[in-house]
PDB file of N, CA and C in Angstrom:
ATOM      1  N   MET A   1     -23.744   2.922  -1.636  1.00  0.00           N
ATOM      2  CA  MET A   1     -23.984   3.704  -0.122  1.00  0.00           C
ATOM      3  C   MET A   1     -22.780   4.807   0.053  1.00  0.00           C
ATOM      4  N   ARG A   2     -23.035   6.226   1.243  1.00  0.00           N
ATOM      5  CA  ARG A   2     -22.242   7.223   1.341  1.00  0.00           C
ATOM      6  C   ARG A   2     -22.007   7.050   2.894  1.00  0.00           C
ATOM      7  N   PHE A   3     -20.427   7.401   2.884  1.00  0.00           N
ATOM      8  CA  PHE A   3     -20.038   7.298   4.159  1.00  0.00           C
ATOM      9  C   PHE A   3     -19.145   8.590   4.654  1.00  0.00           C
ATOM     10  N   VAL A   4     -19.919   9.310   5.641  1.00  0.00           N
ATOM     11  CA  VAL A   4     -19.158   9.886   6.410  1.00  0.00           C
ATOM     12  C   VAL A   4     -18.080   9.611   7.332  1.00  0.00           C
ATOM     13  N   LEU A   5     -16.996  10.237   7.097  1.00  0.00           N
ATOM     14  CA  LEU A   5     -16.048   9.592   8.249  1.00  0.00           C
ATOM     15  C   LEU A   5     -15.477  10.602   9.788  1.00  0.00           C
ATOM     16  N   ASP A   6     -16.193  10.584  10.890  1.00  0.00           N
ATOM     17  CA  ASP A   6     -15.645  11.164  12.454  1.00  0.00           C
ATOM     18  C   ASP A   6     -14.671  11.584  11.598  1.00  0.00           C
ATOM     19  N   HIS A   7     -14.579  12.630  12.624  1.00  0.00           N
ATOM     20  CA  HIS A   7     -12.438  12.506  12.910  1.00  0.00           C
ATOM     21  C   HIS A   7     -12.180  12.387  13.118  1.00  0.00           C
ATOM     22  N   ASP A   8     -12.116  11.279  14.235  1.00  0.00           N
ATOM     23  CA  ASP A   8     -11.563  10.240  14.818  1.00  0.00           C
ATOM     24  C   ASP A   8     -11.470   8.845  14.079  1.00  0.00           C
ATOM     25  N   VAL A   9     -11.884   9.361  13.145  1.00  0.00           N
ATOM     26  CA  VAL A   9     -11.527   7.713  12.032  1.00  0.00           C
ATOM     27  C   VAL A   9     -10.270   7.811  11.100  1.00  0.00           C
ATOM     28  N   ASP A  10      -9.501   6.377  11.345  1.00  0.00           N
ATOM     29  CA  ASP A  10      -8.601   7.139  10.628  1.00  0.00           C
ATOM     30  C   ASP A  10      -8.789   7.024   8.737  1.00  0.00           C
ATOM     31  N   VAL A  11      -8.428   7.820   8.245  1.00  0.00           N
ATOM     32  CA  VAL A  11      -9.409   8.180   6.601  1.00  0.00           C
ATOM     33  C   VAL A  11      -9.100   6.977   6.120  1.00  0.00           C
ATOM     34  N   ARG A  12      -8.137   5.645   6.366  1.00  0.00           N
ATOM     35  CA  ARG A  12      -7.348   4.719   5.608  1.00  0.00           C
ATOM     36  C   ARG A  12      -8.847   3.635   5.466  1.00  0.00           C
ATOM     37  N   VAL A  13     -10.014   3.724   5.821  1.00  0.00           N
ATOM     38  CA  VAL A  13     -11.108   3.146   6.166  1.00  0.00           C
ATOM     39  C   VAL A  13     -11.573   3.880   5.090  1.00  0.00           C
ATOM     40  N   GLY A  14     -11.252   4.408   4.535  1.00  0.00           N
ATOM     41  CA  GLY A  14     -12.324   5.051   3.551  1.00  0.00           C
ATOM     42  C   GLY A  14     -11.742   4.574   2.874  1.00  0.00           C
ATOM     43  N   THR A  15     -10.392   4.009   2.673  1.00  0.00           N
ATOM     44  CA  THR A  15      -9.988   3.304   1.142  1.00  0.00           C
ATOM     45  C   THR A  15     -10.629   2.013   0.579  1.00  0.00           C
ATOM     46  N   VAL A  16     -11.480   1.337   2.312  1.00  0.00           N
ATOM     47  CA  VAL A  16     -11.471   0.316   2.240  1.00  0.00           C
ATOM     48  C   VAL A  16     -12.779   0.523   1.440  1.00  0.00           C
ATOM     49  N   LEU A  17     -13.385   1.304   1.759  1.00  0.00           N
ATOM     50  CA  LEU A  17     -14.959   1.838   1.390  1.00  0.00           C
ATOM     51  C   LEU A  17     -15.248   2.385   0.043  1.00  0.00           C
ATOM     52  N   ARG A  18     -13.915   2.922  -0.770  1.00  0.00           N
ATOM     53  CA  ARG A  18     -13.979   3.133  -1.520  1.00  0.00           C
ATOM     54  C   ARG A  18     -13.845   2.148  -2.247  1.00  0.00           C
ATOM     55  N   ARG A  19     -12.663   1.304  -2.672  1.00  0.00           N
ATOM     56  CA  ARG A  19     -12.388  -0.187  -3.200  1.00  0.00           C
ATOM     57  C   ARG A  19     -13.758  -0.767  -3.672  1.00  0.00           C
ATOM     58  N   ALA A  20     -14.536  -0.881  -2.260  1.00  0.00           N
ATOM     59  CA  ALA A  20     -15.688  -1.394  -2.705  1.00  0.00           C
ATOM     60  C   ALA A  20     -16.899  -0.896  -3.059  1.00  0.00           C
ATOM     61  N   GLY A  21     -16.139   0.291  -4.101  1.00  0.00           N
ATOM     62  CA  GLY A  21     -17.857   0.988  -4.504  1.00  0.00           C
ATOM     63  C   GLY A  21     -18.362   1.371  -3.866  1.00  0.00           C
ATOM     64  N   HIS A  22     -17.943   2.391  -2.477  1.00  0.00           N
ATOM     65  CA  HIS A  22     -18.740   3.303  -1.678  1.00  0.00           C
ATOM     66  C   HIS A  22     -17.839   4.835  -2.179  1.00  0.00           C
ATOM     67  N   GLU A  23     -18.926   5.862  -1.777  1.00  0.00           N
ATOM     68  CA  GLU A  23     -18.582   6.738  -1.633  1.00  0.00           C
ATOM     69  C   GLU A  23     -18.246   7.713  -0.169  1.00  0.00           C
ATOM     70  N   CYS A  24     -17.281   7.564   0.029  1.00  0.00           N
ATOM     71  CA  CYS A  24     -17.098   8.091   1.755  1.00  0.00           C
ATOM     72  C   CYS A  24     -15.608   8.943   1.850  1.00  0.00           C
ATOM     73  N   TRP A  25     -15.866   9.993   2.221  1.00  0.00           N
ATOM     74  CA  TRP A  25     -14.674  11.279   2.325  1.00  0.00           C
ATOM     75  C   TRP A  25     -15.271  11.504   4.292  1.00  0.00           C
ATOM     76  N   PRO A  26     -14.019  12.207   4.322  1.00  0.00           N
ATOM     77  CA  PRO A  26     -13.713  12.762   5.796  1.00  0.00           C
ATOM     78  C   PRO A  26     -14.916  13.889   6.629  1.00  0.00           C
ATOM     79  N   SER A  27     -15.586  13.962   7.917  1.00  0.00           N
ATOM     80  CA  SER A  27     -15.648  15.354   7.658  1.00  0.00           C
ATOM     81  C   SER A  27     -15.535  16.313   7.504  1.00  0.00           C
ATOM     82  N   THR A  28     -14.061  16.218   7.387  1.00  0.00           N
ATOM     83  CA  THR A  28     -12.938  17.638   7.537  1.00  0.00           C
ATOM     84  C   THR A  28     -13.109  18.147   6.301  1.00  0.00           C
ATOM     85  N   ALA A  29     -14.028  17.415   4.724  1.00  0.00           N
ATOM     86  CA  ALA A  29     -13.615  17.750   3.776  1.00  0.00           C
ATOM     87  C   ALA A  29     -14.764  18.962   4.030  1.00  0.00           C
ATOM     88  N   GLY A  30     -15.644  19.017   4.390  1.00  0.00           N
ATOM     89  CA  GLY A  30     -16.802  19.874   4.323  1.00  0.00           C
ATOM     90  C   GLY A  30     -17.441  20.733   6.262  1.00  0.00           C
ATOM     91  N   LEU A  31     -16.457  20.162   6.439  1.00  0.00           N
ATOM     92  CA  LEU A  31     -16.672  21.092   8.095  1.00  0.00           C
ATOM     93  C   LEU A  31     -14.815  21.356   8.356  1.00  0.00           C
ATOM     94  N   ALA A  32     -15.520  22.277   9.535  1.00  0.00           N
ATOM     95  CA  ALA A  32     -13.861  22.283  10.274  1.00  0.00           C
ATOM     96  C   ALA A  32     -13.589  21.198  11.104  1.00  0.00           C
ATOM     97  N   ALA A  33     -12.145  21.571  11.216  1.00  0.00           N
ATOM     98  CA  ALA A  33     -11.987  19.961  12.519  1.00  0.00           C
ATOM     99  C   ALA A  33     -12.298  20.217  13.474  1.00  0.00           C
ATOM    100  N   SER A  34     -12.547  21.098  13.832  1.00  0.00           N
ATOM    101  CA  SER A  34     -13.763  21.337  15.397  1.00  0.00           C
ATOM    102  C   SER A  34     -15.170  21.527  15.217  1.00  0.00           C
ATOM    103  N   ALA A  35     -15.797  21.586  14.156  1.00  0.00           N
ATOM    104  CA  ALA A  35     -17.470  20.779  14.224  1.00  0.00           C
ATOM    105  C   ALA A  35     -17.147  20.004  15.709  1.00  0.00           C
ATOM    106  N   ASP A  36     -18.921  20.598  16.270  1.00  0.00           N
ATOM    107  CA  ASP A  36     -19.542  19.648  17.147  1.00  0.00           C
ATOM    108  C   ASP A  36     -20.094  18.584  16.710  1.00  0.00           C
ATOM    109  N   ASP A  37     -20.161  17.489  17.131  1.00  0.00           N
ATOM    110  CA  ASP A  37     -20.572  16.405  17.435  1.00  0.00           C
ATOM    111  C   ASP A  37     -22.400  16.344  16.328  1.00  0.00           C
ATOM    112  N   ASP A  38     -23.158  17.434  16.383  1.00  0.00           N
ATOM    113  CA  ASP A  38     -23.976  17.597  16.430  1.00  0.00           C
ATOM    114  C   ASP A  38     -24.210  18.391  14.317  1.00  0.00           C
ATOM    115  N   ALA A  39     -22.804  19.104  14.391  1.00  0.00           N
ATOM    116  CA  ALA A  39     -22.891  19.390  12.932  1.00  0.00           C
ATOM    117  C   ALA A  39     -22.716  18.101  12.384  1.00  0.00           C
ATOM    118  N   VAL A  40     -21.421  17.721  13.011  1.00  0.00           N
ATOM    119  CA  VAL A  40     -20.934  16.503  11.486  1.00  0.00           C
ATOM    120  C   VAL A  40     -22.187  15.073  11.496  1.00  0.00           C
ATOM    121  N   ALA A  41     -23.783  14.674  12.042  1.00  0.00           N
ATOM    122  CA  ALA A  41     -24.355  14.360  12.493  1.00  0.00           C
ATOM    123  C   ALA A  41     -25.316  14.771  10.706  1.00  0.00           C
ATOM    124  N   VAL A  42     -25.188  16.583  11.325  1.00  0.00           N
ATOM    125  CA  VAL A  42     -26.460  16.896   9.996  1.00  0.00           C
ATOM    126  C   VAL A  42     -25.511  16.946   8.685  1.00  0.00           C
ATOM    127  N   TYR A  43     -24.870  17.585   8.898  1.00  0.00           N
ATOM    128  CA  TYR A  43     -23.692  17.004   7.778  1.00  0.00           C
ATOM    129  C   TYR A  43     -23.903  16.194   7.292  1.00  0.00           C
ATOM    130  N   ALA A  44     -23.385  14.928   7.482  1.00  0.00           N
ATOM    131  CA  ALA A  44     -23.108  13.690   7.579  1.00  0.00           C
ATOM    132  C   ALA A  44     -25.035  13.256   6.250  1.00  0.00           C
ATOM    133  N   ASP A  45     -26.296  13.782   7.339  1.00  0.00           N
ATOM    134  CA  ASP A  45     -27.589  13.290   7.495  1.00  0.00           C
ATOM    135  C   ASP A  45     -27.565  14.172   5.872  1.00  0.00           C
ATOM    136  N   ASP A  46     -27.531  15.327   5.441  1.00  0.00           N
ATOM    137  CA  ASP A  46     -27.658  15.930   4.768  1.00  0.00           C
ATOM    138  C   ASP A  46     -27.785  15.337   3.450  1.00  0.00           C
ATOM    139  N   ARG A  47     -26.391  15.002   3.793  1.00  0.00           N
ATOM    140  CA  ARG A  47     -25.793  14.173   2.198  1.00  0.00           C
ATOM    141  C   ARG A  47     -26.291  12.968   1.518  1.00  0.00           C
ATOM    142  N   GLY A  48     -27.095  12.143   3.238  1.00  0.00           N
ATOM    143  CA  GLY A  48     -27.557  11.780   2.651  1.00  0.00           C
ATOM    144  C   GLY A  48     -26.222  10.075   3.274  1.00  0.00           C
ATOM    145  N   ALA A  49     -25.373  10.526   4.208  1.00  0.00           N
ATOM    146  CA  ALA A  49     -24.261   9.869   4.240  1.00  0.00           C
ATOM    147  C   ALA A  49     -24.487   8.936   5.696  1.00  0.00           C
ATOM    148  N   VAL A  50     -24.337   7.835   5.731  1.00  0.00           N
ATOM    149  CA  VAL A  50     -23.618   7.203   6.805  1.00  0.00           C
ATOM    150  C   VAL A  50     -22.431   7.927   7.238  1.00  0.00           C
ATOM    151  N   LEU A  51     -22.966   8.273   9.170  1.00  0.00           N
ATOM    152  CA  LEU A  51     -21.469   8.457   9.995  1.00  0.00           C
ATOM    153  C   LEU A  51     -20.997   7.615  10.663  1.00  0.00           C
ATOM    154  N   ILE A  52     -19.198   7.764   9.583  1.00  0.00           N
ATOM    155  CA  ILE A  52     -18.758   5.966  10.985  1.00  0.00           C
ATOM    156  C   ILE A  52     -17.992   7.061  11.878  1.00  0.00           C
ATOM    157  N   THR A  53     -17.887   6.182  13.269  1.00  0.00           N
ATOM    158  CA  THR A  53     -17.118   6.801  14.427  1.00  0.00           C
ATOM    159  C   THR A  53     -16.443   6.472  15.145  1.00  0.00           C
ATOM    160  N   HIS A  54     -15.555   6.288  16.156  1.00  0.00           N
ATOM    161  CA  HIS A  54     -14.937   5.488  17.171  1.00  0.00           C
ATOM    162  C   HIS A  54     -15.863   5.841  18.712  1.00  0.00           C
ATOM    163  N   ASP A  55     -16.551   7.000  18.606  1.00  0.00           N
ATOM    164  CA  ASP A  55     -16.308   8.346  20.211  1.00  0.00           C
ATOM    165  C   ASP A  55     -18.029   7.549  20.129  1.00  0.00           C
ATOM    166  N   ARG A  56     -18.220   7.015  21.431  1.00  0.00           N
ATOM    167  CA  ARG A  56     -18.620   6.210  22.428  1.00  0.00           C
ATOM    168  C   ARG A  56     -19.781   7.140  22.710  1.00  0.00           C
ATOM    169  N   GLU A  57     -19.758   8.738  23.120  1.00  0.00           N
ATOM    170  CA  GLU A  57     -20.370   9.379  24.134  1.00  0.00           C
ATOM    171  C   GLU A  57     -21.313   9.558  22.711  1.00  0.00           C
ATOM    172  N   PHE A  58     -20.646  10.002  21.852  1.00  0.00           N
ATOM    173  CA  PHE A  58     -21.493  10.279  20.847  1.00  0.00           C
ATOM    174  C   PHE A  58     -22.570   9.615  20.110  1.00  0.00           C
ATOM    175  N   THR A  59     -22.408   8.187  20.614  1.00  0.00           N
ATOM    176  CA  THR A  59     -23.330   7.343  19.709  1.00  0.00           C
ATOM    177  C   THR A  59     -24.703   7.220  21.212  1.00  0.00           C
ATOM    178  N   ARG A  60     -23.901   7.138  21.862  1.00  0.00           N
ATOM    179  CA  ARG A  60     -25.193   6.988  23.305  1.00  0.00           C
ATOM    180  C   ARG A  60     -26.081   8.539  23.252  1.00  0.00           C
ATOM    181  N   ARG A  61     -25.735   9.652  22.886  1.00  0.00           N
ATOM    182  CA  ARG A  61     -26.181  10.474  22.335  1.00  0.00           C
ATOM    183  C   ARG A  61     -27.308  10.750  21.323  1.00  0.00           C
ATOM    184  N   ARG A  62     -26.399  10.396  20.478  1.00  0.00           N
ATOM    185  CA  ARG A  62     -27.743   9.788  18.861  1.00  0.00           C
ATOM    186  C   ARG A  62     -28.647   8.669  19.266  1.00  0.00           C
ATOM    187  N   MET A  63     -28.454   8.494  20.049  1.00  0.00           N
ATOM    188  CA  MET A  63     -29.586   6.735  20.497  1.00  0.00           C
ATOM    189  C   MET A  63     -30.274   8.109  20.803  1.00  0.00           C
ATOM    190  N   LYS A  64     -30.473   8.881  22.350  1.00  0.00           N
ATOM    191  CA  LYS A  64     -31.109   9.735  22.632  1.00  0.00           C
ATOM    192  C   LYS A  64     -31.716  10.816  21.475  1.00  0.00           C
ATOM    193  N   ASN A  65     -30.803  11.090  20.577  1.00  0.00           N
ATOM    194  CA  ASN A  65     -31.480  12.149  19.626  1.00  0.00           C
ATOM    195  C   ASN A  65     -30.693  12.213  18.587  1.00  0.00           C
ATOM    196  N   THR A  66     -31.999  11.503  18.059  1.00  0.00           N
ATOM    197  CA  THR A  66     -30.973  10.417  16.529  1.00  0.00           C
ATOM    198  C   THR A  66     -31.699  11.444  15.137  1.00  0.00           C
ATOM    199  N   ILE A  67     -30.220  11.651  15.434  1.00  0.00           N
ATOM    200  CA  ILE A  67     -30.004  12.595  13.934  1.00  0.00           C
ATOM    201  C   ILE A  67     -29.399  12.019  12.754  1.00  0.00           C
ATOM    202  N   GLY A  68     -30.305  11.481  11.517  1.00  0.00           N
ATOM    203  CA  GLY A  68     -28.967  10.948  10.427  1.00  0.00           C
ATOM    204  C   GLY A  68     -29.384   9.173  10.558  1.00  0.00           C
ATOM    205  N   ARG A  69     -27.789   8.041  10.314  1.00  0.00           N
ATOM    206  CA  ARG A  69     -27.954   6.879  10.583  1.00  0.00           C
ATOM    207  C   ARG A  69     -26.038   7.288  11.298  1.00  0.00           C
ATOM    208  N   HIS A  70     -25.281   6.596  11.400  1.00  0.00           N
ATOM    209  CA  HIS A  70     -24.089   6.755  11.874  1.00  0.00           C
ATOM    210  C   HIS A  70     -23.680   4.799  12.705  1.00  0.00           C
ATOM    211  N   VAL A  71     -22.876   4.291  12.560  1.00  0.00           N
ATOM    212  CA  VAL A  71     -21.997   3.545  13.134  1.00  0.00           C
ATOM    213  C   VAL A  71     -21.256   4.218  13.821  1.00  0.00           C
ATOM    214  N   ARG A  72     -20.735   2.802  15.290  1.00  0.00           N
ATOM    215  CA  ARG A  72     -19.347   3.581  15.698  1.00  0.00           C
ATOM    216  C   ARG A  72     -18.602   1.805  15.464  1.00  0.00           C
ATOM    217  N   LEU A  73     -17.394   2.366  15.822  1.00  0.00           N
ATOM    218  CA  LEU A  73     -16.364   1.300  15.628  1.00  0.00           C
ATOM    219  C   LEU A  73     -16.169   0.752  16.985  1.00  0.00           C
ATOM    220  N   ASP A  74     -16.492  -0.645  17.380  1.00  0.00           N
ATOM    221  CA  ASP A  74     -15.969  -0.102  18.592  1.00  0.00           C
ATOM    222  C   ASP A  74     -14.527  -1.507  18.569  1.00  0.00           C
ATOM    223  N   CYS A  75     -13.542  -0.649  18.489  1.00  0.00           N
ATOM    224  CA  CYS A  75     -12.497  -1.520  17.804  1.00  0.00           C
ATOM    225  C   CYS A  75     -11.071  -0.005  18.187  1.00  0.00           C
ATOM    226  N   GLU A  76     -10.110  -0.123  18.153  1.00  0.00           N
ATOM    227  CA  GLU A  76      -9.350   0.469  18.000  1.00  0.00           C
ATOM    228  C   GLU A  76      -9.003   1.192  16.922  1.00  0.00           C
ATOM    229  N   GLN A  77      -8.428   2.035  16.422  1.00  0.00           N
ATOM    230  CA  GLN A  77      -7.772   3.114  15.724  1.00  0.00           C
ATOM    231  C   GLN A  77      -7.350   2.050  14.174  1.00  0.00           C
ATOM    232  N   PRO A  78      -6.066   1.136  14.844  1.00  0.00           N
ATOM    233  CA  PRO A  78      -5.398   0.282  13.737  1.00  0.00           C
ATOM    234  C   PRO A  78      -5.909  -0.645  13.506  1.00  0.00           C
ATOM    235  N   ASP A  79      -6.870  -0.604  13.680  1.00  0.00           N
ATOM    236  CA  ASP A  79      -7.680  -2.072  13.686  1.00  0.00           C
ATOM    237  C   ASP A  79      -8.719  -1.470  12.744  1.00  0.00           C
ATOM    238  N   ALA A  80      -9.182  -0.519  12.923  1.00  0.00           N
ATOM    239  CA  ALA A  80     -10.749  -0.390  12.015  1.00  0.00           C
ATOM    240  C   ALA A  80     -10.620  -1.157  10.729  1.00  0.00           C
ATOM    241  N   MET A  81      -9.550  -0.568   9.297  1.00  0.00           N
ATOM    242  CA  MET A  81      -9.662  -1.039   8.179  1.00  0.00           C
ATOM    243  C   MET A  81     -10.015  -3.006   8.466  1.00  0.00           C
ATOM    244  N   ALA A  82      -9.462  -2.914   8.884  1.00  0.00           N
ATOM    245  CA  ALA A  82      -9.656  -4.631   9.339  1.00  0.00           C
ATOM    246  C   ALA A  82     -11.000  -5.132   9.418  1.00  0.00           C
ATOM    247  N   VAL A  83     -11.447  -4.398  10.438  1.00  0.00           N
ATOM    248  CA  VAL A  83     -12.745  -4.489  11.514  1.00  0.00           C
ATOM    249  C   VAL A  83     -14.066  -4.590   9.795  1.00  0.00           C
ATOM    250  N   ILE A  84     -13.732  -2.557   9.027  1.00  0.00           N
ATOM    251  CA  ILE A  84     -14.337  -3.026   8.508  1.00  0.00           C
ATOM    252  C   ILE A  84     -14.757  -3.892   6.726  1.00  0.00           C
ATOM    253  N   GLY A  85     -13.733  -3.761   6.786  1.00  0.00           N
ATOM    254  CA  GLY A  85     -13.649  -5.177   5.711  1.00  0.00           C
ATOM    255  C   GLY A  85     -13.502  -5.967   5.772  1.00  0.00           C
ATOM    256  N   ALA A  86     -13.545  -6.597   7.051  1.00  0.00           N
ATOM    257  CA  ALA A  86     -14.115  -7.999   7.479  1.00  0.00           C
ATOM    258  C   ALA A  86     -15.115  -8.537   7.738  1.00  0.00           C
ATOM    259  N   HIS A  87     -15.701  -6.811   7.517  1.00  0.00           N
ATOM    260  CA  HIS A  87     -18.115  -7.275   8.217  1.00  0.00           C
ATOM    261  C   HIS A  87     -18.536  -6.025   7.062  1.00  0.00           C
ATOM    262  N   LEU A  88     -17.770  -5.583   6.136  1.00  0.00           N
ATOM    263  CA  LEU A  88     -18.657  -4.373   5.365  1.00  0.00           C
ATOM    264  C   LEU A  88     -19.886  -4.775   4.950  1.00  0.00           C
ATOM    265  N   ASP A  89     -19.775  -6.088   4.145  1.00  0.00           N
ATOM    266  CA  ASP A  89     -20.835  -6.540   3.591  1.00  0.00           C
ATOM    267  C   ASP A  89     -22.121  -6.370   4.782  1.00  0.00           C
ATOM    268  N   GLU A  90     -22.056  -7.757   5.761  1.00  0.00           N
ATOM    269  CA  GLU A  90     -22.671  -7.290   6.698  1.00  0.00           C
ATOM    270  C   GLU A  90     -23.566  -5.856   6.855  1.00  0.00           C
ATOM    271  N   LEU A  91     -22.480  -4.865   7.330  1.00  0.00           N
ATOM    272  CA  LEU A  91     -22.464  -3.662   7.586  1.00  0.00           C
ATOM    273  C   LEU A  91     -23.079  -2.778   6.437  1.00  0.00           C
ATOM    274  N   VAL A  92     -23.063  -3.339   5.267  1.00  0.00           N
ATOM    275  CA  VAL A  92     -24.399  -1.949   4.032  1.00  0.00           C
ATOM    276  C   VAL A  92     -25.331  -3.127   4.061  1.00  0.00           C
ATOM    277  N   ALA A  93     -25.672  -4.128   4.568  1.00  0.00           N
ATOM    278  CA  ALA A  93     -26.852  -5.061   4.619  1.00  0.00           C
ATOM    279  C   ALA A  93     -28.172  -5.236   5.863  1.00  0.00           C
ATOM    280  N   ALA A  94     -26.944  -4.450   6.809  1.00  0.00           N
ATOM    281  CA  ALA A  94     -28.094  -4.228   7.703  1.00  0.00           C
ATOM    282  C   ALA A  94     -28.939  -2.745   7.346  1.00  0.00           C
ATOM    283  N   LEU A  95     -27.391  -1.590   7.351  1.00  0.00           N
ATOM    284  CA  LEU A  95     -27.679  -0.315   6.288  1.00  0.00           C
ATOM    285  C   LEU A  95     -29.215   0.041   5.750  1.00  0.00           C
ATOM    286  N   GLU A  96     -28.938  -1.502   4.875  1.00  0.00           N
ATOM    287  CA  GLU A  96     -29.680  -1.264   3.586  1.00  0.00           C
ATOM    288  C   GLU A  96     -31.004  -1.723   4.509  1.00  0.00           C
ATOM    289  N   ARG A  97     -31.494  -1.841   5.134  1.00  0.00           N
ATOM    290  CA  ARG A  97     -32.279  -3.031   6.311  1.00  0.00           C
ATOM    291  C   ARG A  97     -33.301  -1.937   7.584  1.00  0.00           C
ATOM    292  N   ALA A  98     -32.612  -0.875   7.896  1.00  0.00           N
ATOM    293  CA  ALA A  98     -32.400  -0.250   8.502  1.00  0.00           C
ATOM    294  C   ALA A  98     -34.049   0.968   7.927  1.00  0.00           C
ATOM    295  N   PRO A  99     -34.718   0.841   8.568  1.00  0.00           N
ATOM    296  CA  PRO A  99     -35.159   2.612   7.986  1.00  0.00           C
ATOM    297  C   PRO A  99     -34.940   4.026   7.701  1.00  0.00           C
TER     298      PRO A  99
END
């Protein structure tokens, strides 16, 4: 599976994803750090990637105007690596089931 990390996600989360065999890169690898949320969502979707973010407001807007797939981490940034690592199999399975 392919993942793009929003600018608010620690790039070390990508390490966990890559070690599990997934492609992952930060959104800033292809966009300016100042890119708005819609540009980041379109960027990830155009590349067939799931966007990972901590941004609650971004998630609310995506529910109203869906662009691609994304996952909001409901944890503090320092805990994100552990949360992803502990739930990665469940996350991937849910993403694969989703339309």
